[in-house]
């Protein structure tokens, strides 16, 4: 599995640990582990003095009303899968690792 950003049919951008599911060698879907929706808080890029660009995002669990951490999505619902930028990937890993450490203490 690998941390990727998936764009779904409804234009949701999901960051997740993703694994392709196949049947007889043909891709049929994806297993999403700990999927989080990327919500863009500031829909435009801000240029900083040092030529860096920034955008504000929030990560929320993709499906709020479930305790499932692994969700199967049919392949036809995924538009594309890309590598997330480092800062968003780090934000996701920090959130997931924090959540997992909290849930194991209970």
PDB file of N, CA and C in Angstrom:
ATOM      1  N   UNK A   1       0.840  -1.174   0.000  1.00  0.00           N
ATOM      2  CA  UNK A   1       0.000   0.000   0.000  1.00  0.00           C
ATOM      3  C   UNK A   1       0.889   1.243   0.000  1.00  0.00           C
ATOM      4  N   UNK A   2       0.317   2.357  -0.464  1.00  0.00           N
ATOM      5  CA  UNK A   2       1.086   3.592  -0.572  1.00  0.00           C
ATOM      6  C   UNK A   2       0.169   4.780  -0.318  1.00  0.00           C
ATOM      7  N   UNK A   3       0.737   5.835   0.241  1.00  0.00           N
ATOM      8  CA  UNK A   3      -0.021   7.056   0.484  1.00  0.00           C
ATOM      9  C   UNK A   3      -0.154   7.812  -0.834  1.00  0.00           C
ATOM     10  N   UNK A   4      -1.390   7.984  -1.289  1.00  0.00           N
ATOM     11  CA  UNK A   4      -1.661   8.664  -2.554  1.00  0.00           C
ATOM     12  C   UNK A   4      -2.861   9.584  -2.395  1.00  0.00           C
ATOM     13  N   UNK A   5      -3.031  10.463  -3.365  1.00  0.00           N
ATOM     14  CA  UNK A   5      -4.193  11.330  -3.437  1.00  0.00           C
ATOM     15  C   UNK A   5      -5.050  10.823  -4.588  1.00  0.00           C
ATOM     16  N   UNK A   6      -6.294  10.466  -4.290  1.00  0.00           N
ATOM     17  CA  UNK A   6      -7.210   9.971  -5.314  1.00  0.00           C
ATOM     18  C   UNK A   6      -8.298  11.009  -5.551  1.00  0.00           C
ATOM     19  N   UNK A   7      -8.580  11.272  -6.818  1.00  0.00           N
ATOM     20  CA  UNK A   7      -9.692  12.146  -7.187  1.00  0.00           C
ATOM     21  C   UNK A   7     -10.824  11.226  -7.617  1.00  0.00           C
ATOM     22  N   UNK A   8     -11.985  11.375  -6.957  1.00  0.00           N
ATOM     23  CA  UNK A   8     -13.128  10.513  -7.232  1.00  0.00           C
ATOM     24  C   UNK A   8     -14.107  11.188  -8.188  1.00  0.00           C
ATOM     25  N   UNK A   9     -15.077  10.422  -8.697  1.00  0.00           N
ATOM     26  CA  UNK A   9     -16.059  10.926  -9.661  1.00  0.00           C
ATOM     27  C   UNK A   9     -16.759  12.208  -9.200  1.00  0.00           C
ATOM     28  N   UNK A  10     -17.080  12.333  -7.925  1.00  0.00           N
ATOM     29  CA  UNK A  10     -17.759  13.526  -7.426  1.00  0.00           C
ATOM     30  C   UNK A  10     -16.819  14.684  -7.141  1.00  0.00           C
ATOM     31  N   UNK A  11     -15.572  14.590  -7.614  1.00  0.00           N
ATOM     32  CA  UNK A  11     -14.517  15.589  -7.426  1.00  0.00           C
ATOM     33  C   UNK A  11     -13.959  15.641  -6.010  1.00  0.00           C
ATOM     34  N   UNK A  12     -14.316  14.678  -5.150  1.00  0.00           N
ATOM     35  CA  UNK A  12     -13.663  14.610  -3.841  1.00  0.00           C
ATOM     36  C   UNK A  12     -12.195  14.268  -4.046  1.00  0.00           C
ATOM     37  N   UNK A  13     -11.335  14.947  -3.289  1.00  0.00           N
ATOM     38  CA  UNK A  13      -9.911  14.618  -3.283  1.00  0.00           C
ATOM     39  C   UNK A  13      -9.638  13.908  -1.965  1.00  0.00           C
ATOM     40  N   UNK A  14      -9.209  12.657  -2.049  1.00  0.00           N
ATOM     41  CA  UNK A  14      -9.027  11.800  -0.884  1.00  0.00           C
ATOM     42  C   UNK A  14      -7.555  11.433  -0.751  1.00  0.00           C
ATOM     43  N   UNK A  15      -6.994  11.665   0.429  1.00  0.00           N
ATOM     44  CA  UNK A  15      -5.640  11.188   0.705  1.00  0.00           C
ATOM     45  C   UNK A  15      -5.791   9.933   1.546  1.00  0.00           C
ATOM     46  N   UNK A  16      -5.067   8.890   1.163  1.00  0.00           N
ATOM     47  CA  UNK A  16      -5.279   7.587   1.780  1.00  0.00           C
ATOM     48  C   UNK A  16      -4.107   6.657   1.519  1.00  0.00           C
ATOM     49  N   UNK A  17      -4.051   5.614   2.314  1.00  0.00           N
ATOM     50  CA  UNK A  17      -3.154   4.496   2.047  1.00  0.00           C
ATOM     51  C   UNK A  17      -3.945   3.600   1.102  1.00  0.00           C
ATOM     52  N   UNK A  18      -3.507   3.475  -0.142  1.00  0.00           N
ATOM     53  CA  UNK A  18      -4.329   2.848  -1.180  1.00  0.00           C
ATOM     54  C   UNK A  18      -3.679   1.589  -1.739  1.00  0.00           C
ATOM     55  N   UNK A  19      -4.538   0.626  -2.065  1.00  0.00           N
ATOM     56  CA  UNK A  19      -4.078  -0.622  -2.683  1.00  0.00           C
ATOM     57  C   UNK A  19      -5.039  -0.965  -3.813  1.00  0.00           C
ATOM     58  N   UNK A  20      -4.482  -1.287  -4.975  1.00  0.00           N
ATOM     59  CA  UNK A  20      -5.309  -1.686  -6.107  1.00  0.00           C
ATOM     60  C   UNK A  20      -5.799  -3.113  -5.907  1.00  0.00           C
ATOM     61  N   UNK A  21      -7.075  -3.340  -6.180  1.00  0.00           N
ATOM     62  CA  UNK A  21      -7.663  -4.673  -6.113  1.00  0.00           C
ATOM     63  C   UNK A  21      -7.866  -5.167  -7.541  1.00  0.00           C
ATOM     64  N   UNK A  22      -7.486  -6.418  -7.799  1.00  0.00           N
ATOM     65  CA  UNK A  22      -7.614  -6.928  -9.159  1.00  0.00           C
ATOM     66  C   UNK A  22      -8.278  -8.307  -9.157  1.00  0.00           C
ATOM     67  N   UNK A  23      -8.855  -8.649 -10.310  1.00  0.00           N
ATOM     68  CA  UNK A  23      -9.491  -9.939 -10.532  1.00  0.00           C
ATOM     69  C   UNK A  23      -8.939 -10.471 -11.850  1.00  0.00           C
ATOM     70  N   UNK A  24      -8.243 -11.578 -11.791  1.00  0.00           N
ATOM     71  CA  UNK A  24      -7.585 -12.153 -12.978  1.00  0.00           C
ATOM     72  C   UNK A  24      -6.669 -11.155 -13.664  1.00  0.00           C
ATOM     73  N   UNK A  25      -5.965 -10.358 -12.864  1.00  0.00           N
ATOM     74  CA  UNK A  25      -5.014  -9.399 -13.394  1.00  0.00           C
ATOM     75  C   UNK A  25      -5.600  -8.079 -13.845  1.00  0.00           C
ATOM     76  N   UNK A  26      -6.941  -7.954 -13.835  1.00  0.00           N
ATOM     77  CA  UNK A  26      -7.593  -6.711 -14.246  1.00  0.00           C
ATOM     78  C   UNK A  26      -7.957  -5.905 -13.004  1.00  0.00           C
ATOM     79  N   UNK A  27      -7.618  -4.602 -12.975  1.00  0.00           N
ATOM     80  CA  UNK A  27      -7.995  -3.775 -11.823  1.00  0.00           C
ATOM     81  C   UNK A  27      -9.520  -3.628 -11.741  1.00  0.00           C
ATOM     82  N   UNK A  28     -10.074  -3.852 -10.546  1.00  0.00           N
ATOM     83  CA  UNK A  28     -11.529  -3.749 -10.364  1.00  0.00           C
ATOM     84  C   UNK A  28     -11.914  -2.726  -9.308  1.00  0.00           C
ATOM     85  N   UNK A  29     -10.958  -2.317  -8.490  1.00  0.00           N
ATOM     86  CA  UNK A  29     -11.274  -1.366  -7.447  1.00  0.00           C
ATOM     87  C   UNK A  29     -10.053  -1.039  -6.614  1.00  0.00           C
ATOM     88  N   UNK A  30     -10.319  -0.330  -5.514  1.00  0.00           N
ATOM     89  CA  UNK A  30      -9.235   0.095  -4.637  1.00  0.00           C
ATOM     90  C   UNK A  30      -9.650  -0.084  -3.184  1.00  0.00           C
ATOM     91  N   UNK A  31      -8.699  -0.478  -2.377  1.00  0.00           N
ATOM     92  CA  UNK A  31      -8.890  -0.542  -0.933  1.00  0.00           C
ATOM     93  C   UNK A  31      -8.271   0.721  -0.353  1.00  0.00           C
ATOM     94  N   UNK A  32      -9.107   1.529   0.313  1.00  0.00           N
ATOM     95  CA  UNK A  32      -8.647   2.771   0.921  1.00  0.00           C
ATOM     96  C   UNK A  32      -8.562   2.568   2.424  1.00  0.00           C
ATOM     97  N   UNK A  33      -7.386   2.764   2.981  1.00  0.00           N
ATOM     98  CA  UNK A  33      -7.194   2.632   4.423  1.00  0.00           C
ATOM     99  C   UNK A  33      -7.048   4.031   5.021  1.00  0.00           C
ATOM    100  N   UNK A  34      -7.871   4.335   6.025  1.00  0.00           N
ATOM    101  CA  UNK A  34      -7.883   5.648   6.686  1.00  0.00           C
ATOM    102  C   UNK A  34      -8.037   6.797   5.693  1.00  0.00           C
ATOM    103  N   UNK A  35      -9.058   6.735   4.816  1.00  0.00           N
ATOM    104  CA  UNK A  35      -9.217   7.814   3.831  1.00  0.00           C
ATOM    105  C   UNK A  35      -9.675   9.112   4.475  1.00  0.00           C
ATOM    106  N   UNK A  36      -9.064  10.206   4.053  1.00  0.00           N
ATOM    107  CA  UNK A  36      -9.420  11.539   4.531  1.00  0.00           C
ATOM    108  C   UNK A  36      -9.651  12.454   3.336  1.00  0.00           C
ATOM    109  N   UNK A  37     -10.723  13.218   3.408  1.00  0.00           N
ATOM    110  CA  UNK A  37     -11.048  14.178   2.363  1.00  0.00           C
ATOM    111  C   UNK A  37     -10.219  15.438   2.577  1.00  0.00           C
ATOM    112  N   UNK A  38      -9.682  15.954   1.502  1.00  0.00           N
ATOM    113  CA  UNK A  38      -8.940  17.209   1.553  1.00  0.00           C
ATOM    114  C   UNK A  38      -9.926  18.330   1.259  1.00  0.00           C
ATOM    115  N   UNK A  39     -10.103  19.212   2.229  1.00  0.00           N
ATOM    116  CA  UNK A  39     -10.984  20.363   2.076  1.00  0.00           C
ATOM    117  C   UNK A  39     -10.094  21.592   1.939  1.00  0.00           C
ATOM    118  N   UNK A  40     -10.260  22.305   0.836  1.00  0.00           N
ATOM    119  CA  UNK A  40      -9.455  23.501   0.600  1.00  0.00           C
ATOM    120  C   UNK A  40     -10.127  24.673   1.293  1.00  0.00           C
ATOM    121  N   UNK A  41      -9.444  25.199   2.322  1.00  0.00           N
ATOM    122  CA  UNK A  41      -9.977  26.305   3.112  1.00  0.00           C
ATOM    123  C   UNK A  41      -9.808  27.640   2.399  1.00  0.00           C
ATOM    124  N   UNK A  42      -8.788  27.727   1.593  1.00  0.00           N
ATOM    125  CA  UNK A  42      -8.476  28.965   0.895  1.00  0.00           C
ATOM    126  C   UNK A  42      -8.322  28.593  -0.577  1.00  0.00           C
ATOM    127  N   UNK A  43      -9.317  28.876  -1.411  1.00  0.00           N
ATOM    128  CA  UNK A  43      -9.302  28.342  -2.777  1.00  0.00           C
ATOM    129  C   UNK A  43      -8.364  29.049  -3.757  1.00  0.00           C
ATOM    130  N   UNK A  44      -7.367  29.736  -3.265  1.00  0.00           N
ATOM    131  CA  UNK A  44      -6.413  30.374  -4.164  1.00  0.00           C
ATOM    132  C   UNK A  44      -5.017  30.272  -3.563  1.00  0.00           C
ATOM    133  N   UNK A  45      -4.032  30.375  -4.421  1.00  0.00           N
ATOM    134  CA  UNK A  45      -2.647  30.303  -3.966  1.00  0.00           C
ATOM    135  C   UNK A  45      -2.185  31.662  -3.485  1.00  0.00           C
ATOM    136  N   UNK A  46      -1.434  31.660  -2.401  1.00  0.00           N
ATOM    137  CA  UNK A  46      -0.854  32.886  -1.867  1.00  0.00           C
ATOM    138  C   UNK A  46       0.649  32.793  -2.085  1.00  0.00           C
ATOM    139  N   UNK A  47       1.213  33.797  -2.717  1.00  0.00           N
ATOM    140  CA  UNK A  47       2.651  33.786  -2.961  1.00  0.00           C
ATOM    141  C   UNK A  47       3.352  34.476  -1.800  1.00  0.00           C
ATOM    142  N   UNK A  48       4.318  33.784  -1.233  1.00  0.00           N
ATOM    143  CA  UNK A  48       5.088  34.338  -0.120  1.00  0.00           C
ATOM    144  C   UNK A  48       6.303  35.088  -0.664  1.00  0.00           C
ATOM    145  N   UNK A  49       6.987  35.774   0.219  1.00  0.00           N
ATOM    146  CA  UNK A  49       8.153  36.565  -0.177  1.00  0.00           C
ATOM    147  C   UNK A  49       9.261  35.723  -0.795  1.00  0.00           C
ATOM    148  N   UNK A  50       9.436  34.507  -0.328  1.00  0.00           N
ATOM    149  CA  UNK A  50      10.526  33.668  -0.826  1.00  0.00           C
ATOM    150  C   UNK A  50      10.099  32.810  -2.019  1.00  0.00           C
ATOM    151  N   UNK A  51       9.094  33.268  -2.770  1.00  0.00           N
ATOM    152  CA  UNK A  51       8.588  32.610  -3.977  1.00  0.00           C
ATOM    153  C   UNK A  51       7.920  31.262  -3.707  1.00  0.00           C
ATOM    154  N   UNK A  52       7.642  30.947  -2.453  1.00  0.00           N
ATOM    155  CA  UNK A  52       6.884  29.746  -2.139  1.00  0.00           C
ATOM    156  C   UNK A  52       5.418  30.065  -2.291  1.00  0.00           C
ATOM    157  N   UNK A  53       4.654  29.055  -2.650  1.00  0.00           N
ATOM    158  CA  UNK A  53       3.211  29.227  -2.732  1.00  0.00           C
ATOM    159  C   UNK A  53       2.579  28.387  -1.637  1.00  0.00           C
ATOM    160  N   UNK A  54       1.473  28.866  -1.068  1.00  0.00           N
ATOM    161  CA  UNK A  54       0.823  28.099  -0.011  1.00  0.00           C
ATOM    162  C   UNK A  54      -0.684  28.095  -0.227  1.00  0.00           C
ATOM    163  N   UNK A  55      -1.297  27.069   0.306  1.00  0.00           N
ATOM    164  CA  UNK A  55      -2.738  26.930   0.263  1.00  0.00           C
ATOM    165  C   UNK A  55      -3.153  26.277   1.573  1.00  0.00           C
ATOM    166  N   UNK A  56      -4.270  26.684   2.129  1.00  0.00           N
ATOM    167  CA  UNK A  56      -4.713  26.135   3.405  1.00  0.00           C
ATOM    168  C   UNK A  56      -5.694  24.996   3.160  1.00  0.00           C
ATOM    169  N   UNK A  57      -5.445  23.869   3.804  1.00  0.00           N
ATOM    170  CA  UNK A  57      -6.321  22.708   3.666  1.00  0.00           C
ATOM    171  C   UNK A  57      -6.634  22.129   5.035  1.00  0.00           C
ATOM    172  N   UNK A  58      -7.742  21.406   5.087  1.00  0.00           N
ATOM    173  CA  UNK A  58      -8.138  20.671   6.278  1.00  0.00           C
ATOM    174  C   UNK A  58      -8.379  19.231   5.864  1.00  0.00           C
ATOM    175  N   UNK A  59      -7.981  18.300   6.713  1.00  0.00           N
ATOM    176  CA  UNK A  59      -8.249  16.890   6.469  1.00  0.00           C
ATOM    177  C   UNK A  59      -9.364  16.431   7.392  1.00  0.00           C
ATOM    178  N   UNK A  60     -10.402  15.831   6.804  1.00  0.00           N
ATOM    179  CA  UNK A  60     -11.494  15.281   7.594  1.00  0.00           C
ATOM    180  C   UNK A  60     -11.722  13.843   7.152  1.00  0.00           C
ATOM    181  N   UNK A  61     -12.139  12.976   8.065  1.00  0.00           N
ATOM    182  CA  UNK A  61     -12.449  11.606   7.626  1.00  0.00           C
ATOM    183  C   UNK A  61     -13.415  11.649   6.435  1.00  0.00           C
ATOM    184  N   UNK A  62     -13.168  10.808   5.447  1.00  0.00           N
ATOM    185  CA  UNK A  62     -13.945  10.847   4.215  1.00  0.00           C
ATOM    186  C   UNK A  62     -15.416  10.547   4.471  1.00  0.00           C
ATOM    187  N   UNK A  63     -15.714   9.497   5.227  1.00  0.00           N
ATOM    188  CA  UNK A  63     -17.090   9.169   5.580  1.00  0.00           C
ATOM    189  C   UNK A  63     -17.188   9.318   7.092  1.00  0.00           C
ATOM    190  N   UNK A  64     -17.828  10.371   7.522  1.00  0.00           N
ATOM    191  CA  UNK A  64     -17.845  10.730   8.943  1.00  0.00           C
ATOM    192  C   UNK A  64     -18.595   9.741   9.830  1.00  0.00           C
ATOM    193  N   UNK A  65     -19.625   9.106   9.315  1.00  0.00           N
ATOM    194  CA  UNK A  65     -20.500   8.302  10.164  1.00  0.00           C
ATOM    195  C   UNK A  65     -20.199   6.807  10.098  1.00  0.00           C
ATOM    196  N   UNK A  66     -18.927   6.463  10.048  1.00  0.00           N
ATOM    197  CA  UNK A  66     -18.526   5.061  10.078  1.00  0.00           C
ATOM    198  C   UNK A  66     -17.312   4.884  10.974  1.00  0.00           C
ATOM    199  N   UNK A  67     -17.192   3.697  11.534  1.00  0.00           N
ATOM    200  CA  UNK A  67     -15.985   3.362  12.292  1.00  0.00           C
ATOM    201  C   UNK A  67     -15.025   2.531  11.438  1.00  0.00           C
ATOM    202  N   UNK A  68     -15.443   2.198  10.216  1.00  0.00           N
ATOM    203  CA  UNK A  68     -14.576   1.426   9.314  1.00  0.00           C
ATOM    204  C   UNK A  68     -13.334   2.238   8.964  1.00  0.00           C
ATOM    205  N   UNK A  69     -12.203   1.588   8.991  1.00  0.00           N
ATOM    206  CA  UNK A  69     -10.965   2.254   8.596  1.00  0.00           C
ATOM    207  C   UNK A  69     -10.505   1.807   7.208  1.00  0.00           C
ATOM    208  N   UNK A  70     -11.124   0.753   6.671  1.00  0.00           N
ATOM    209  CA  UNK A  70     -10.810   0.283   5.329  1.00  0.00           C
ATOM    210  C   UNK A  70     -12.090   0.259   4.504  1.00  0.00           C
ATOM    211  N   UNK A  71     -12.054   0.915   3.346  1.00  0.00           N
ATOM    212  CA  UNK A  71     -13.233   1.048   2.502  1.00  0.00           C
ATOM    213  C   UNK A  71     -12.848   0.651   1.077  1.00  0.00           C
ATOM    214  N   UNK A  72     -13.693  -0.166   0.463  1.00  0.00           N
ATOM    215  CA  UNK A  72     -13.466  -0.577  -0.926  1.00  0.00           C
ATOM    216  C   UNK A  72     -14.251   0.354  -1.842  1.00  0.00           C
ATOM    217  N   UNK A  73     -13.573   0.843  -2.884  1.00  0.00           N
ATOM    218  CA  UNK A  73     -14.185   1.738  -3.861  1.00  0.00           C
ATOM    219  C   UNK A  73     -14.039   1.088  -5.236  1.00  0.00           C
ATOM    220  N   UNK A  74     -15.143   0.994  -6.005  1.00  0.00           N
ATOM    221  CA  UNK A  74     -15.041   0.439  -7.357  1.00  0.00           C
ATOM    222  C   UNK A  74     -14.108   1.277  -8.227  1.00  0.00           C
ATOM    223  N   UNK A  75     -13.395   0.622  -9.106  1.00  0.00           N
ATOM    224  CA  UNK A  75     -12.435   1.305  -9.969  1.00  0.00           C
ATOM    225  C   UNK A  75     -13.038   2.398 -10.824  1.00  0.00           C
ATOM    226  N   UNK A  76     -14.304   2.243 -11.231  1.00  0.00           N
ATOM    227  CA  UNK A  76     -14.921   3.250 -12.103  1.00  0.00           C
ATOM    228  C   UNK A  76     -15.271   4.539 -11.365  1.00  0.00           C
ATOM    229  N   UNK A  77     -15.108   4.571 -10.048  1.00  0.00           N
ATOM    230  CA  UNK A  77     -15.370   5.780  -9.271  1.00  0.00           C
ATOM    231  C   UNK A  77     -14.116   6.637  -9.082  1.00  0.00           C
ATOM    232  N   UNK A  78     -12.970   6.102  -9.472  1.00  0.00           N
ATOM    233  CA  UNK A  78     -11.699   6.805  -9.314  1.00  0.00           C
ATOM    234  C   UNK A  78     -11.290   7.418 -10.652  1.00  0.00           C
ATOM    235  N   UNK A  79     -11.148   8.744 -10.663  1.00  0.00           N
ATOM    236  CA  UNK A  79     -10.763   9.452 -11.884  1.00  0.00           C
ATOM    237  C   UNK A  79      -9.257   9.333 -12.101  1.00  0.00           C
ATOM    238  N   UNK A  80      -8.484   9.604 -11.029  1.00  0.00           N
ATOM    239  CA  UNK A  80      -7.036   9.522 -11.135  1.00  0.00           C
ATOM    240  C   UNK A  80      -6.424   9.355  -9.748  1.00  0.00           C
ATOM    241  N   UNK A  81      -5.195   8.887  -9.719  1.00  0.00           N
ATOM    242  CA  UNK A  81      -4.437   8.736  -8.479  1.00  0.00           C
ATOM    243  C   UNK A  81      -3.091   9.407  -8.704  1.00  0.00           C
ATOM    244  N   UNK A  82      -2.728  10.312  -7.788  1.00  0.00           N
ATOM    245  CA  UNK A  82      -1.485  11.062  -7.933  1.00  0.00           C
ATOM    246  C   UNK A  82      -0.714  11.079  -6.611  1.00  0.00           C
ATOM    247  N   UNK A  83       0.517  11.525  -6.694  1.00  0.00           N
ATOM    248  CA  UNK A  83       1.365  11.686  -5.514  1.00  0.00           C
ATOM    249  C   UNK A  83       1.002  13.010  -4.833  1.00  0.00           C
ATOM    250  N   UNK A  84       0.663  12.992  -3.537  1.00  0.00           N
ATOM    251  CA  UNK A  84       0.349  14.249  -2.849  1.00  0.00           C
ATOM    252  C   UNK A  84       1.618  15.066  -2.598  1.00  0.00           C
ATOM    253  N   UNK A  85       1.453  16.382  -2.447  1.00  0.00           N
ATOM    254  CA  UNK A  85       2.607  17.207  -2.107  1.00  0.00           C
ATOM    255  C   UNK A  85       3.080  16.816  -0.703  1.00  0.00           C
ATOM    256  N   UNK A  86       4.346  17.030  -0.449  1.00  0.00           N
ATOM    257  CA  UNK A  86       4.957  16.577   0.801  1.00  0.00           C
ATOM    258  C   UNK A  86       4.260  17.112   2.049  1.00  0.00           C
ATOM    259  N   UNK A  87       3.876  18.386   2.040  1.00  0.00           N
ATOM    260  CA  UNK A  87       3.278  18.977   3.245  1.00  0.00           C
ATOM    261  C   UNK A  87       1.925  18.340   3.569  1.00  0.00           C
ATOM    262  N   UNK A  88       1.135  18.011   2.555  1.00  0.00           N
ATOM    263  CA  UNK A  88      -0.166  17.379   2.789  1.00  0.00           C
ATOM    264  C   UNK A  88       0.034  15.928   3.238  1.00  0.00           C
ATOM    265  N   UNK A  89       0.997  15.250   2.641  1.00  0.00           N
ATOM    266  CA  UNK A  89       1.295  13.877   3.038  1.00  0.00           C
ATOM    267  C   UNK A  89       1.750  13.834   4.499  1.00  0.00           C
ATOM    268  N   UNK A  90       2.596  14.771   4.880  1.00  0.00           N
ATOM    269  CA  UNK A  90       3.078  14.846   6.263  1.00  0.00           C
ATOM    270  C   UNK A  90       1.932  15.150   7.227  1.00  0.00           C
ATOM    271  N   UNK A  91       1.054  16.065   6.822  1.00  0.00           N
ATOM    272  CA  UNK A  91      -0.119  16.413   7.632  1.00  0.00           C
ATOM    273  C   UNK A  91      -1.005  15.180   7.846  1.00  0.00           C
ATOM    274  N   UNK A  92      -1.227  14.426   6.786  1.00  0.00           N
ATOM    275  CA  UNK A  92      -2.034  13.199   6.851  1.00  0.00           C
ATOM    276  C   UNK A  92      -1.403  12.172   7.787  1.00  0.00           C
ATOM    277  N   UNK A  93      -0.106  11.938   7.620  1.00  0.00           N
ATOM    278  CA  UNK A  93       0.586  10.953   8.458  1.00  0.00           C
ATOM    279  C   UNK A  93       0.574  11.360   9.930  1.00  0.00           C
ATOM    280  N   UNK A  94       0.759  12.649  10.203  1.00  0.00           N
ATOM    281  CA  UNK A  94       0.689  13.139  11.582  1.00  0.00           C
ATOM    282  C   UNK A  94      -0.694  12.886  12.170  1.00  0.00           C
ATOM    283  N   UNK A  95      -1.726  13.146  11.384  1.00  0.00           N
ATOM    284  CA  UNK A  95      -3.098  12.955  11.869  1.00  0.00           C
ATOM    285  C   UNK A  95      -3.392  11.477  12.101  1.00  0.00           C
ATOM    286  N   UNK A  96      -3.023  10.634  11.149  1.00  0.00           N
ATOM    287  CA  UNK A  96      -3.282   9.198  11.268  1.00  0.00           C
ATOM    288  C   UNK A  96      -2.485   8.599  12.418  1.00  0.00           C
ATOM    289  N   UNK A  97      -1.227   8.931  12.525  1.00  0.00           N
ATOM    290  CA  UNK A  97      -0.398   8.386  13.601  1.00  0.00           C
ATOM    291  C   UNK A  97      -0.898   8.850  14.958  1.00  0.00           C
ATOM    292  N   UNK A  98      -1.361  10.089  15.057  1.00  0.00           N
ATOM    293  CA  UNK A  98      -1.941  10.586  16.296  1.00  0.00           C
ATOM    294  C   UNK A  98      -3.223   9.860  16.629  1.00  0.00           C
ATOM    295  N   UNK A  99      -4.073   9.626  15.629  1.00  0.00           N
ATOM    296  CA  UNK A  99      -5.343   8.928  15.832  1.00  0.00           C
ATOM    297  C   UNK A  99      -5.100   7.496  16.256  1.00  0.00           C
ATOM    298  N   UNK A 100      -4.135   6.835  15.612  1.00  0.00           N
ATOM    299  CA  UNK A 100      -3.871   5.430  15.946  1.00  0.00           C
ATOM    300  C   UNK A 100      -3.329   5.302  17.356  1.00  0.00           C
ATOM    301  N   UNK A 101      -2.473   6.245  17.782  1.00  0.00           N
ATOM    302  CA  UNK A 101      -1.923   6.142  19.125  1.00  0.00           C
ATOM    303  C   UNK A 101      -3.009   6.399  20.174  1.00  0.00           C
ATOM    304  N   UNK A 102      -3.966   7.265  19.852  1.00  0.00           N
ATOM    305  CA  UNK A 102      -5.075   7.522  20.771  1.00  0.00           C
ATOM    306  C   UNK A 102      -5.969   6.293  20.856  1.00  0.00           C
ATOM    307  N   UNK A 103      -6.282   5.679  19.715  1.00  0.00           N
ATOM    308  CA  UNK A 103      -7.214   4.559  19.722  1.00  0.00           C
ATOM    309  C   UNK A 103      -6.601   3.305  20.361  1.00  0.00           C
ATOM    310  N   UNK A 104      -5.295   3.135  20.320  1.00  0.00           N
ATOM    311  CA  UNK A 104      -4.690   1.959  20.938  1.00  0.00           C
ATOM    312  C   UNK A 104      -4.591   2.091  22.441  1.00  0.00           C
ATOM    313  N   UNK A 105      -4.677   3.308  22.957  1.00  0.00           N
ATOM    314  CA  UNK A 105      -4.611   3.515  24.414  1.00  0.00           C
ATOM    315  C   UNK A 105      -5.918   3.183  25.104  1.00  0.00           C
ATOM    316  N   UNK A 106      -7.010   3.114  24.354  1.00  0.00           N
ATOM    317  CA  UNK A 106      -8.332   2.887  24.953  1.00  0.00           C
ATOM    318  C   UNK A 106      -8.533   1.438  25.310  1.00  0.00           C
TER     319      UNK A 106
END
